[in-house]
Amino acid sequence: MEQSQQQTLQNLGFEIANKAIENAQLRAQLSTLQGENEQLKSRIHELSKEESNDDAN
């Protein structure tokens, strides 16, 4: 295989590796945001229950 083809394959390999890292980082961010979202939904639910109790009194 000629050197330019080897260089192209190597560059593609680096690009794939970088995309895999980026993908992993984005998945971690997504997981964090999903966790925060669940916490916020729970808090909203708690607040709406408190508001219902306040309305009943």
Protein backbone atom coordinates (compact mmCIF):
# COMPACT_ATOMS: atom_id res chain seq x y z
CA MET A 1 0.00 0.00 0.00
CA GLU A 2 1.40 3.38 -0.85
CA GLN A 3 2.21 5.90 1.83
CA SER A 4 -0.62 8.32 1.03
CA GLN A 5 -3.19 5.53 1.44
CA GLN A 6 -1.63 4.54 4.76
CA GLN A 7 -1.75 8.17 5.89
CA THR A 8 -5.40 8.43 4.83
CA LEU A 9 -6.28 5.27 6.77
CA GLN A 10 -4.40 6.51 9.81
CA ASN A 11 -6.20 9.85 9.65
CA LEU A 12 -9.55 8.07 9.38
CA GLY A 13 -8.62 5.95 12.37
CA PHE A 14 -7.84 9.05 14.42
CA GLU A 15 -11.08 10.66 13.30
CA ILE A 16 -13.07 7.58 14.32
CA ALA A 17 -11.32 7.50 17.71
CA ASN A 18 -12.04 11.19 18.26
CA LYS A 19 -15.70 10.72 17.34
CA ALA A 20 -15.93 7.79 19.76
CA ILE A 21 -14.54 10.01 22.55
CA GLU A 22 -16.95 12.80 21.63
CA ASN A 23 -19.81 10.30 21.59
CA ALA A 24 -18.88 9.04 25.07
CA GLN A 25 -18.71 12.61 26.39
CA LEU A 26 -22.11 13.44 24.92
CA ARG A 27 -23.61 10.27 26.40
CA ALA A 28 -22.24 11.25 29.82
CA GLN A 29 -23.72 14.75 29.46
CA LEU A 30 -27.04 13.27 28.40
CA SER A 31 -27.06 10.95 31.40
CA THR A 32 -26.34 13.87 33.73
CA LEU A 33 -29.10 15.96 32.17
CA GLN A 34 -31.57 13.09 32.39
CA GLY A 35 -30.77 12.75 36.09
CA GLU A 36 -31.24 16.48 36.64
CA ASN A 37 -34.49 16.35 34.69
CA GLU A 38 -35.82 13.57 36.93
CA GLN A 39 -34.89 15.56 40.04
CA LEU A 40 -36.69 18.62 38.68
CA LYS A 41 -39.78 16.59 37.82
CA SER A 42 -39.82 15.19 41.35
CA ARG A 43 -39.49 18.68 42.81
CA ILE A 44 -42.30 19.99 40.62
CA HIS A 45 -44.46 17.08 41.75
CA GLU A 46 -43.69 17.84 45.41
CA LEU A 47 -44.47 21.52 44.96
CA SER A 48 -47.74 20.80 43.19
CA LYS A 49 -48.76 18.47 46.05
CA GLU A 50 -47.91 21.19 48.58
CA GLU A 51 -49.95 23.69 46.58
CA SER A 52 -52.90 21.27 46.53
CA ASN A 53 -52.64 20.87 50.30
CA ASP A 54 -52.49 24.65 50.75
CA ASP A 55 -55.60 25.06 48.59
CA ALA A 56 -57.46 22.46 50.64
CA ASN A 57 -56.75 24.32 53.91
